[in-house]
Protein backbone atom coordinates (compact mmCIF):
# COMPACT_ATOMS: atom_id res chain seq x y z
CA MET A 1 6.77 -18.17 20.42
CA ALA A 2 3.74 -19.34 19.41
CA LEU A 3 0.96 -16.97 19.59
CA LEU A 4 -1.70 -19.31 17.62
CA GLU A 5 -1.35 -22.89 17.96
CA VAL A 6 -3.51 -25.25 15.18
CA THR A 7 -3.13 -28.94 16.56
CA ASP A 8 -4.72 -31.80 14.74
CA VAL A 9 -8.14 -29.94 13.57
CA THR A 10 -10.71 -31.46 11.52
CA ARG A 11 -14.02 -29.79 10.69
CA ARG A 12 -16.83 -31.71 8.64
CA PHE A 13 -19.58 -30.56 6.32
CA GLY A 14 -21.69 -33.59 5.94
CA GLY A 15 -20.05 -36.19 3.76
CA VAL A 16 -17.57 -32.78 2.75
CA THR A 17 -14.34 -32.86 5.38
CA ALA A 18 -13.61 -29.30 4.48
CA VAL A 19 -9.97 -29.45 7.08
CA ASP A 20 -8.12 -32.09 8.02
CA ARG A 21 -6.03 -32.83 10.74
CA CYS A 22 -4.55 -29.51 9.91
CA SER A 23 -1.73 -28.62 12.19
CA PHE A 24 0.35 -25.20 12.76
CA ALA A 25 1.89 -22.74 14.72
CA ILE A 26 1.69 -18.49 14.40
CA ARG A 27 4.53 -16.84 15.82
CA GLU A 28 3.69 -13.54 17.91
CA GLY A 29 5.01 -10.89 16.01
CA SER A 30 4.86 -12.23 12.68
CA LEU A 31 3.67 -11.81 9.40
CA THR A 32 1.98 -14.85 8.39
CA GLY A 33 0.21 -15.54 4.52
CA LEU A 34 -2.37 -18.36 4.65
CA ILE A 35 -2.95 -19.62 0.92
CA GLY A 36 -4.30 -22.05 -1.58
CA PRO A 37 -7.02 -22.94 -3.94
CA ASN A 38 -10.37 -22.39 -4.26
CA GLY A 39 -11.99 -25.05 -1.71
CA ALA A 40 -8.61 -25.37 0.01
CA GLY A 41 -10.09 -24.92 3.77
CA LYS A 42 -8.79 -21.28 4.70
CA THR A 43 -12.08 -19.68 5.15
CA THR A 44 -13.04 -22.42 7.39
CA MET A 45 -9.64 -22.36 9.62
CA PHE A 46 -10.68 -18.71 9.97
CA ASN A 47 -13.97 -20.05 11.21
CA LEU A 48 -12.59 -21.90 13.19
CA ILE A 49 -10.05 -19.78 15.16
CA ALA A 50 -12.53 -16.83 15.35
CA GLY A 51 -15.71 -19.33 16.87
CA ALA A 52 -17.84 -19.28 14.09
CA LEU A 53 -17.41 -22.54 13.75
CA ARG A 54 -16.08 -25.71 16.32
CA PRO A 55 -13.42 -28.13 15.18
CA ASP A 56 -15.15 -31.87 15.20
CA ARG A 57 -11.63 -32.97 16.26
CA GLY A 58 -8.46 -31.56 17.56
CA GLN A 59 -7.30 -28.34 19.63
CA ILE A 60 -6.71 -24.27 19.12
CA ARG A 61 -4.66 -22.69 21.36
CA LEU A 62 -3.94 -18.77 21.89
CA SER A 63 -0.98 -18.35 24.40
CA GLY A 64 -1.67 -22.13 25.29
CA GLN A 65 -5.16 -20.90 26.49
CA ARG A 66 -8.09 -23.46 24.89
CA ILE A 67 -9.92 -21.09 22.82
CA ASP A 68 -11.78 -24.08 20.24
CA ARG A 69 -14.80 -24.32 22.77
CA LEU A 70 -15.93 -21.14 23.17
CA ARG A 71 -18.03 -18.34 21.62
CA PRO A 72 -16.75 -15.51 19.18
CA HIS A 73 -17.06 -13.03 21.15
CA ARG A 74 -14.79 -14.58 24.07
CA ILE A 75 -12.56 -15.46 21.90
CA ALA A 76 -12.10 -11.75 20.48
CA ARG A 77 -12.10 -10.13 24.24
CA LEU A 78 -8.84 -12.63 23.97
CA GLY A 79 -7.60 -10.40 21.53
CA VAL A 80 -8.21 -11.92 18.51
CA SER A 81 -9.79 -9.66 15.28
CA ARG A 82 -10.86 -10.54 11.77
CA THR A 83 -11.98 -9.15 8.86
CA PHE A 84 -14.15 -10.67 5.83
CA GLN A 85 -13.36 -11.14 2.22
CA LEU A 86 -17.20 -9.25 1.62
CA THR A 87 -17.37 -5.74 4.38
CA ARG A 88 -20.36 -6.56 7.09
CA GLU A 89 -20.26 -2.65 7.45
CA LEU A 90 -23.33 -1.03 9.44
CA ALA A 91 -25.01 1.15 6.94
CA GLU A 92 -26.84 3.12 9.10
CA LEU A 93 -24.44 3.77 11.54
CA THR A 94 -21.73 6.45 10.85
CA VAL A 95 -18.46 5.67 9.95
CA LEU A 96 -16.91 6.56 13.53
CA GLU A 97 -19.92 4.57 14.98
CA ASN A 98 -18.94 1.69 12.34
CA VAL A 99 -15.31 1.24 14.78
CA VAL A 100 -16.37 1.97 18.21
CA VAL A 101 -18.86 -0.89 17.94
CA HIS A 102 -15.23 -3.10 17.82
CA ALA A 103 -14.63 -1.42 21.04
CA PRO A 104 -14.08 -3.71 24.25
CA VAL A 105 -17.07 -4.14 25.85
CA ARG A 106 -17.28 -3.57 29.85
CA ALA A 107 -20.77 -4.50 31.89
CA LEU A 108 -20.77 -0.57 32.34
CA ASP A 109 -20.94 -0.23 28.63
CA LEU A 110 -24.32 -1.99 28.42
CA LEU A 111 -25.58 1.01 29.99
CA ARG A 112 -24.31 3.95 28.02
CA THR A 113 -25.56 4.74 24.75
CA SER A 114 -23.03 7.49 24.46
CA ILE A 115 -19.10 7.44 22.89
CA GLY A 116 -16.64 7.54 25.34
CA ASP A 117 -13.66 9.95 25.11
CA ALA A 118 -11.47 7.30 24.85
CA GLU A 119 -13.11 5.55 22.16
CA ARG A 120 -13.95 8.46 19.79
CA ALA A 121 -10.04 9.51 19.99
CA ARG A 122 -9.00 5.85 19.22
CA ALA A 123 -11.36 5.48 16.64
CA MET A 124 -10.85 9.04 15.34
CA ASN A 125 -6.91 8.15 15.27
CA LEU A 126 -7.70 4.86 13.32
CA LEU A 127 -9.50 6.63 10.85
CA GLU A 128 -7.13 9.38 10.58
CA MET A 129 -4.73 6.57 9.42
CA VAL A 130 -6.57 5.01 7.10
CA GLY A 131 -7.74 8.72 5.41
CA LEU A 132 -10.94 7.85 6.72
CA THR A 133 -11.52 11.24 9.14
CA ARG A 134 -12.92 13.51 6.91
CA LEU A 135 -16.43 10.91 6.59
CA ALA A 136 -16.51 10.14 10.05
CA ASP A 137 -19.92 11.39 10.49
CA ALA A 138 -21.33 10.18 7.11
CA PRO A 139 -23.24 6.82 7.00
CA ALA A 140 -21.13 3.77 6.31
CA GLY A 141 -23.29 2.68 3.45
CA SER A 142 -22.56 5.55 1.63
CA LEU A 143 -18.80 4.55 1.59
CA SER A 144 -17.04 3.45 -2.05
CA TYR A 145 -16.01 -0.09 -1.70
CA GLY A 146 -13.02 0.70 -1.56
CA GLN A 147 -13.33 2.51 1.70
CA LYS A 148 -15.21 -0.24 3.33
CA LYS A 149 -12.40 -2.26 2.88
CA LEU A 150 -10.46 0.45 4.98
CA LEU A 151 -13.15 0.35 6.97
CA ASP A 152 -13.03 -2.56 7.95
CA LEU A 153 -9.45 -2.52 8.56
CA ALA A 154 -9.93 0.07 11.40
CA GLY A 155 -12.76 -1.52 13.06
CA ALA A 156 -10.44 -4.67 13.42
CA LEU A 157 -7.92 -2.81 14.46
CA MET A 158 -10.20 -0.86 17.23
CA PRO A 159 -10.15 -3.53 20.15
CA ALA A 160 -6.23 -3.38 19.85
CA PRO A 161 -6.06 -7.19 19.36
CA ARG A 162 -3.07 -8.98 19.95
CA LEU A 163 -4.14 -11.62 15.97
CA ILE A 164 -5.97 -10.22 13.48
CA LEU A 165 -7.28 -12.30 10.99
CA LEU A 166 -7.55 -10.83 8.12
CA ASP A 167 -9.22 -12.36 4.83
CA GLU A 168 -8.67 -11.35 0.87
CA PRO A 169 -8.20 -7.68 2.32
CA ALA A 170 -6.22 -7.49 -1.87
CA ALA A 171 -10.32 -8.65 -3.25
CA GLY A 172 -12.10 -5.75 -5.49
CA VAL A 173 -9.61 -3.25 -4.70
CA ASN A 174 -7.45 -1.05 -7.49
CA PRO A 175 -3.41 -1.15 -7.02
CA ALA A 176 -3.31 2.46 -6.11
CA LEU A 177 -5.82 1.51 -2.54
CA LEU A 178 -4.44 -2.02 -2.10
CA ASP A 179 -0.01 0.03 -1.83
CA ALA A 180 -1.53 1.81 0.80
CA ILE A 181 -3.42 -1.45 2.34
CA VAL A 182 -0.14 -3.55 2.83
CA GLY A 183 1.35 0.09 4.19
CA TYR A 184 -0.98 0.60 7.07
CA ILE A 185 -0.34 -3.31 7.30
CA GLU A 186 3.40 -3.01 7.77
CA HIS A 187 2.67 0.08 9.76
CA VAL A 188 0.39 -2.07 12.39
CA HIS A 189 2.94 -5.03 12.31
CA ARG A 190 5.92 -2.76 13.27
CA THR A 191 3.42 -1.71 16.42
CA GLY A 192 3.99 -5.72 17.55
CA ALA A 193 0.94 -6.66 16.30
CA THR A 194 0.42 -10.27 15.34
CA PHE A 195 -1.01 -10.92 11.73
CA LEU A 196 -2.33 -14.23 9.27
CA ILE A 197 -3.90 -13.10 6.16
CA VAL A 198 -5.73 -15.37 3.78
CA GLU A 199 -4.74 -14.03 0.20
CA HIS A 200 -4.91 -15.10 -3.31
CA ASN A 201 -2.90 -12.28 -4.75
CA MET A 202 0.49 -14.35 -5.07
CA GLU A 203 2.37 -11.27 -5.61
CA LEU A 204 1.13 -9.34 -2.34
CA VAL A 205 1.52 -12.57 0.00
CA MET A 206 4.65 -13.19 -1.06
CA SER A 207 5.69 -9.54 -0.49
CA LEU A 208 4.11 -9.09 2.86
CA CYS A 209 4.18 -12.25 4.62
CA ASP A 210 6.66 -14.56 6.16
CA PRO A 211 5.85 -17.62 6.67
CA ILE A 212 3.60 -19.00 4.31
CA ILE A 213 1.13 -21.64 5.64
CA VAL A 214 -0.67 -23.58 2.31
CA MET A 215 -3.85 -25.26 2.35
CA ALA A 216 -4.83 -27.90 -0.58
CA HIS A 217 -8.21 -30.50 -0.17
CA GLY A 218 -8.57 -29.10 3.45
CA LYS A 219 -4.31 -30.20 4.66
CA VAL A 220 -1.77 -28.15 5.28
CA LEU A 221 0.39 -28.72 2.25
CA ALA A 222 3.59 -26.70 3.42
CA GLN A 223 4.95 -23.86 5.63
CA GLY A 224 7.68 -22.21 6.08
CA PRO A 225 9.40 -19.63 5.36
CA ARG A 226 8.51 -17.27 1.81
CA ASP A 227 12.11 -18.44 -0.46
CA GLN A 228 11.29 -22.10 1.07
CA ILE A 229 7.53 -21.91 -0.44
CA GLN A 230 8.07 -19.90 -3.74
CA GLY A 231 10.43 -23.28 -4.96
CA ASP A 232 8.42 -26.21 -3.39
CA PRO A 233 7.21 -28.50 -6.36
CA ARG A 234 4.21 -29.41 -4.51
CA VAL A 235 3.16 -25.94 -3.92
CA LEU A 236 3.46 -24.96 -7.67
CA ASP A 237 1.20 -27.91 -8.29
CA ALA A 238 -1.28 -27.52 -6.26
CA TYR A 239 -1.66 -23.68 -6.39
CA LEU A 240 0.50 -21.51 -8.74
CA GLY A 241 -1.08 -24.49 -11.50
CA ALA A 242 -4.39 -24.27 -10.43
CA ALA A 243 -4.46 -20.43 -10.63
């Protein structure tokens, strides 16, 4: 069953068509890769799904409900969470607080200044999962780049989302940390979470993701099982040949 459906979506910036009549579906419980050369429209597509941008045409549905006209916080409440290629920590807040700020917001929470016990427990469990427990009270700005990537992942998981959009999780991290990040993603995926991952590391995508969607020049060029994508000559020409 499809959790996310993108139908005939187009987004233009002036005279440039960044996303051109794209259609695809993300199956619930899948770990789907979204690949393509620079300028293919991948990040624009993420922004459209998350509500940072609105499409000029087409529809985006989450479990059958249209979300393409909703604001980002409404989409987040429906269960869509994301990370960014460049980390976006709140440097002056602690590591723990940076995770907690991603918790679902209820009306009464707006009047509360302290962290609730349940939120603290969940945030600490996530920090333990990514190996940052000992840094829970440290300013987030003091973390290394790799640690900030782990913090981003923990924050994205805090609201227990139904769909997790990961933007370049491998960017700028060393091989040991990358192995750890892959392990965390696989662990969360086994709990039933659905992932859509934009990534340039082809070795990572081909080992982690199945199915895979390929974009080029704003269009969906190919989509299907990993083995099919690996042998598609259009993909080799448009993506691998440009790498």
